[in-house]
N, C-alpha and C. Protein backbone atom coordinates (compact mmCIF):
# COMPACT_ATOMS: atom_id res chain seq x y z
N LEU A 1 -5.86 -160.76 -189.93
CA LEU A 1 -5.68 -159.73 -188.92
C LEU A 1 -4.27 -159.89 -188.37
N VAL A 2 -3.44 -158.89 -188.61
CA VAL A 2 -2.04 -158.96 -188.18
C VAL A 2 -1.85 -158.13 -186.91
N ASP A 3 -1.30 -158.77 -185.90
CA ASP A 3 -1.00 -158.12 -184.63
C ASP A 3 0.49 -157.78 -184.61
N PHE A 4 0.80 -156.48 -184.69
CA PHE A 4 2.19 -156.03 -184.56
C PHE A 4 2.42 -155.76 -183.08
N TYR A 5 3.38 -156.47 -182.48
CA TYR A 5 3.58 -156.40 -181.03
C TYR A 5 5.07 -156.47 -180.70
N ALA A 6 5.38 -156.29 -179.41
CA ALA A 6 6.72 -156.52 -178.88
C ALA A 6 6.56 -157.16 -177.50
N ASP A 7 7.49 -158.03 -177.14
CA ASP A 7 7.40 -158.75 -175.86
C ASP A 7 7.40 -157.82 -174.66
N TRP A 8 8.10 -156.69 -174.75
CA TRP A 8 8.20 -155.75 -173.62
C TRP A 8 6.96 -154.87 -173.44
N CYS A 9 6.03 -154.95 -174.37
CA CYS A 9 4.87 -154.06 -174.40
C CYS A 9 3.72 -154.65 -173.57
N GLY A 10 3.39 -153.98 -172.43
CA GLY A 10 2.31 -154.45 -171.55
C GLY A 10 0.96 -154.56 -172.24
N PRO A 11 0.51 -153.49 -172.93
CA PRO A 11 -0.77 -153.57 -173.64
C PRO A 11 -0.79 -154.68 -174.70
N CYS A 12 0.37 -154.97 -175.29
CA CYS A 12 0.45 -156.06 -176.29
C CYS A 12 0.14 -157.40 -175.63
N GLN A 13 0.62 -157.58 -174.40
CA GLN A 13 0.37 -158.83 -173.68
C GLN A 13 -1.12 -158.97 -173.36
N MET A 14 -1.77 -157.85 -173.01
CA MET A 14 -3.22 -157.88 -172.78
C MET A 14 -3.94 -158.25 -174.08
N MET A 15 -3.50 -157.63 -175.17
CA MET A 15 -4.13 -157.84 -176.47
C MET A 15 -3.96 -159.28 -176.94
N SER A 16 -2.84 -159.89 -176.55
CA SER A 16 -2.55 -161.27 -176.96
C SER A 16 -3.65 -162.23 -176.50
N LYS A 17 -4.08 -162.07 -175.24
CA LYS A 17 -5.15 -162.93 -174.69
C LYS A 17 -6.47 -162.66 -175.42
N ILE A 18 -6.72 -161.39 -175.70
CA ILE A 18 -7.95 -161.00 -176.40
C ILE A 18 -7.97 -161.60 -177.81
N LEU A 19 -6.81 -161.59 -178.46
CA LEU A 19 -6.72 -162.13 -179.83
C LEU A 19 -6.95 -163.63 -179.88
N VAL A 20 -6.59 -164.33 -178.81
CA VAL A 20 -6.86 -165.78 -178.74
C VAL A 20 -8.38 -165.99 -178.76
N GLN A 21 -9.10 -165.19 -177.94
CA GLN A 21 -10.57 -165.27 -177.91
C GLN A 21 -11.15 -164.95 -179.28
N VAL A 22 -10.69 -163.85 -179.86
CA VAL A 22 -11.22 -163.40 -181.15
C VAL A 22 -10.95 -164.45 -182.22
N GLY A 23 -9.75 -165.01 -182.21
CA GLY A 23 -9.39 -166.05 -183.19
C GLY A 23 -10.31 -167.25 -183.11
N SER A 24 -10.66 -167.67 -181.88
CA SER A 24 -11.55 -168.84 -181.77
C SER A 24 -12.99 -168.45 -182.07
N GLN A 25 -13.38 -167.24 -181.70
CA GLN A 25 -14.74 -166.77 -181.96
C GLN A 25 -14.99 -166.56 -183.46
N MET A 26 -13.95 -166.19 -184.19
CA MET A 26 -14.10 -165.88 -185.62
C MET A 26 -13.42 -166.92 -186.51
N LYS A 27 -13.28 -168.12 -185.99
CA LYS A 27 -12.65 -169.22 -186.74
C LYS A 27 -13.34 -169.36 -188.11
N GLY A 28 -12.56 -169.40 -189.16
CA GLY A 28 -13.15 -169.52 -190.49
C GLY A 28 -13.45 -168.18 -191.13
N GLU A 29 -13.55 -167.12 -190.31
CA GLU A 29 -13.83 -165.78 -190.84
C GLU A 29 -12.55 -164.97 -191.00
N VAL A 30 -11.64 -165.16 -190.04
CA VAL A 30 -10.42 -164.35 -190.03
C VAL A 30 -9.27 -165.18 -189.46
N LYS A 31 -8.08 -164.92 -189.96
CA LYS A 31 -6.89 -165.59 -189.46
C LYS A 31 -6.06 -164.55 -188.72
N VAL A 32 -5.65 -164.87 -187.49
CA VAL A 32 -4.85 -163.95 -186.69
C VAL A 32 -3.38 -164.33 -186.82
N VAL A 33 -2.56 -163.35 -187.20
CA VAL A 33 -1.13 -163.56 -187.37
C VAL A 33 -0.41 -162.55 -186.48
N LYS A 34 0.64 -162.98 -185.80
CA LYS A 34 1.40 -162.08 -184.93
C LYS A 34 2.77 -161.80 -185.53
N ILE A 35 3.17 -160.53 -185.51
CA ILE A 35 4.49 -160.16 -186.00
C ILE A 35 5.21 -159.38 -184.91
N ASP A 36 6.33 -159.94 -184.45
CA ASP A 36 7.16 -159.31 -183.43
C ASP A 36 7.97 -158.20 -184.09
N THR A 37 7.68 -156.96 -183.71
CA THR A 37 8.34 -155.82 -184.35
C THR A 37 9.83 -155.74 -184.01
N GLU A 38 10.24 -156.40 -182.93
CA GLU A 38 11.67 -156.42 -182.57
C GLU A 38 12.42 -157.37 -183.50
N ARG A 39 11.80 -158.47 -183.86
CA ARG A 39 12.45 -159.45 -184.74
C ARG A 39 12.33 -159.09 -186.21
N TYR A 40 11.25 -158.40 -186.56
CA TYR A 40 10.99 -158.07 -187.97
C TYR A 40 10.73 -156.57 -188.14
N PRO A 41 11.73 -155.74 -187.79
CA PRO A 41 11.53 -154.28 -187.87
C PRO A 41 11.24 -153.80 -189.29
N GLN A 42 11.76 -154.51 -190.29
CA GLN A 42 11.53 -154.08 -191.68
C GLN A 42 10.07 -154.24 -192.07
N ILE A 43 9.39 -155.26 -191.56
CA ILE A 43 7.96 -155.44 -191.86
C ILE A 43 7.15 -154.36 -191.14
N ALA A 44 7.52 -154.07 -189.89
CA ALA A 44 6.83 -153.03 -189.13
C ALA A 44 6.97 -151.69 -189.83
N SER A 45 8.17 -151.40 -190.30
CA SER A 45 8.38 -150.10 -190.94
C SER A 45 7.68 -150.04 -192.30
N GLN A 46 7.62 -151.15 -192.99
CA GLN A 46 6.91 -151.24 -194.28
C GLN A 46 5.43 -150.88 -194.11
N HIS A 47 4.86 -151.21 -192.95
CA HIS A 47 3.45 -150.94 -192.68
C HIS A 47 3.25 -149.72 -191.77
N SER A 48 4.30 -148.92 -191.62
CA SER A 48 4.24 -147.67 -190.82
C SER A 48 3.70 -147.89 -189.41
N ILE A 49 4.25 -148.89 -188.73
CA ILE A 49 3.84 -149.17 -187.36
C ILE A 49 4.65 -148.27 -186.42
N HIS A 50 3.96 -147.36 -185.73
CA HIS A 50 4.63 -146.43 -184.83
C HIS A 50 4.17 -146.60 -183.39
N ALA A 51 3.05 -147.28 -183.16
CA ALA A 51 2.53 -147.50 -181.81
C ALA A 51 2.25 -148.99 -181.65
N LEU A 52 2.37 -149.47 -180.42
CA LEU A 52 2.09 -150.87 -180.15
C LEU A 52 1.04 -150.97 -179.04
N PRO A 53 0.15 -151.94 -179.09
CA PRO A 53 -0.05 -152.84 -180.23
C PRO A 53 -0.78 -152.13 -181.38
N THR A 54 -0.48 -152.55 -182.58
CA THR A 54 -1.23 -152.10 -183.75
C THR A 54 -1.73 -153.34 -184.47
N LEU A 55 -3.03 -153.35 -184.78
CA LEU A 55 -3.63 -154.44 -185.53
C LEU A 55 -3.96 -153.90 -186.92
N VAL A 56 -3.59 -154.66 -187.93
CA VAL A 56 -3.91 -154.27 -189.30
C VAL A 56 -4.72 -155.41 -189.91
N LEU A 57 -5.91 -155.05 -190.40
CA LEU A 57 -6.78 -156.04 -191.02
C LEU A 57 -6.56 -155.99 -192.53
N PHE A 58 -6.21 -157.13 -193.09
CA PHE A 58 -5.99 -157.23 -194.53
C PHE A 58 -7.14 -158.00 -195.15
N LYS A 59 -7.57 -157.55 -196.30
CA LYS A 59 -8.58 -158.26 -197.08
C LYS A 59 -8.08 -158.30 -198.50
N GLU A 60 -7.94 -159.51 -199.05
CA GLU A 60 -7.43 -159.72 -200.40
C GLU A 60 -6.08 -159.01 -200.59
N GLY A 61 -5.22 -159.09 -199.55
CA GLY A 61 -3.87 -158.55 -199.65
C GLY A 61 -3.74 -157.06 -199.40
N LYS A 62 -4.86 -156.37 -199.17
CA LYS A 62 -4.82 -154.93 -198.94
C LYS A 62 -5.22 -154.61 -197.50
N ALA A 63 -4.51 -153.64 -196.89
CA ALA A 63 -4.86 -153.21 -195.54
C ALA A 63 -6.18 -152.45 -195.62
N VAL A 64 -7.20 -152.92 -194.90
CA VAL A 64 -8.52 -152.29 -194.95
C VAL A 64 -8.91 -151.63 -193.63
N ASP A 65 -8.17 -151.92 -192.56
CA ASP A 65 -8.45 -151.27 -191.29
C ASP A 65 -7.20 -151.34 -190.43
N ARG A 66 -7.09 -150.39 -189.51
CA ARG A 66 -5.93 -150.29 -188.64
C ARG A 66 -6.42 -149.87 -187.25
N ILE A 67 -5.99 -150.59 -186.25
CA ILE A 67 -6.41 -150.31 -184.87
C ILE A 67 -5.15 -150.19 -184.02
N GLU A 68 -5.01 -149.07 -183.33
CA GLU A 68 -3.89 -148.91 -182.41
C GLU A 68 -4.43 -148.94 -180.99
N GLY A 69 -3.76 -149.71 -180.13
CA GLY A 69 -4.20 -149.81 -178.74
C GLY A 69 -5.03 -151.05 -178.48
N VAL A 70 -5.63 -151.08 -177.30
CA VAL A 70 -6.33 -152.28 -176.83
C VAL A 70 -7.84 -152.11 -176.97
N LEU A 71 -8.49 -153.14 -177.51
CA LEU A 71 -9.95 -153.21 -177.57
C LEU A 71 -10.37 -154.47 -176.83
N THR A 72 -11.63 -154.53 -176.39
CA THR A 72 -12.14 -155.78 -175.82
C THR A 72 -12.38 -156.75 -176.97
N ALA A 73 -12.55 -158.02 -176.63
CA ALA A 73 -12.80 -159.03 -177.66
C ALA A 73 -14.07 -158.68 -178.45
N ASP A 74 -15.14 -158.28 -177.74
CA ASP A 74 -16.39 -157.94 -178.42
C ASP A 74 -16.23 -156.75 -179.36
N GLN A 75 -15.52 -155.71 -178.89
CA GLN A 75 -15.29 -154.53 -179.74
C GLN A 75 -14.53 -154.92 -181.00
N LEU A 76 -13.51 -155.75 -180.82
CA LEU A 76 -12.69 -156.15 -181.96
C LEU A 76 -13.47 -157.01 -182.94
N VAL A 77 -14.23 -157.97 -182.43
CA VAL A 77 -15.05 -158.83 -183.30
C VAL A 77 -16.04 -157.98 -184.10
N ASN A 78 -16.72 -157.06 -183.41
CA ASN A 78 -17.69 -156.20 -184.09
C ASN A 78 -17.04 -155.34 -185.16
N ARG A 79 -15.88 -154.79 -184.84
CA ARG A 79 -15.18 -153.92 -185.80
C ARG A 79 -14.72 -154.72 -187.02
N VAL A 80 -14.11 -155.88 -186.79
CA VAL A 80 -13.62 -156.70 -187.89
C VAL A 80 -14.79 -157.17 -188.77
N ARG A 81 -15.85 -157.66 -188.14
CA ARG A 81 -17.01 -158.11 -188.93
C ARG A 81 -17.62 -156.96 -189.71
N GLY A 82 -17.67 -155.77 -189.11
CA GLY A 82 -18.21 -154.60 -189.80
C GLY A 82 -17.39 -154.24 -191.02
N VAL A 83 -16.08 -154.26 -190.87
CA VAL A 83 -15.19 -153.92 -191.99
C VAL A 83 -15.28 -154.99 -193.08
N LEU A 84 -15.26 -156.25 -192.69
CA LEU A 84 -15.30 -157.34 -193.69
C LEU A 84 -16.62 -157.38 -194.43
N SER A 85 -17.71 -156.99 -193.76
CA SER A 85 -19.00 -157.03 -194.43
C SER A 85 -19.28 -155.74 -195.22
N GLY A 86 -18.38 -154.75 -195.03
CA GLY A 86 -18.56 -153.49 -195.76
C GLY A 86 -19.43 -152.48 -195.06
N ASP A 87 -19.79 -152.77 -193.79
CA ASP A 87 -20.66 -151.85 -193.03
C ASP A 87 -19.90 -150.72 -192.33
N ALA A 88 -18.57 -150.88 -192.23
CA ALA A 88 -17.81 -149.88 -191.46
C ALA A 88 -17.36 -148.73 -192.33
């Protein structure tokens, strides 16, 4: 699960705390990686990131889900588990 964020982005800071919870709740199921779009604009543009925060879920190297904006930890866990299990 890749979190595309920027330090100046308020919702990104909210999402950061939520991702810590999700990362510990889903330990072994999903790895959370953060990419600062200010430092790595070429990666952000490669993945067509136009809004922040944007979360992109990758499975076997392919983007399988994309979430723009803030979700609660429970919403995010449910969505990720649904996509990974093929229910979404």
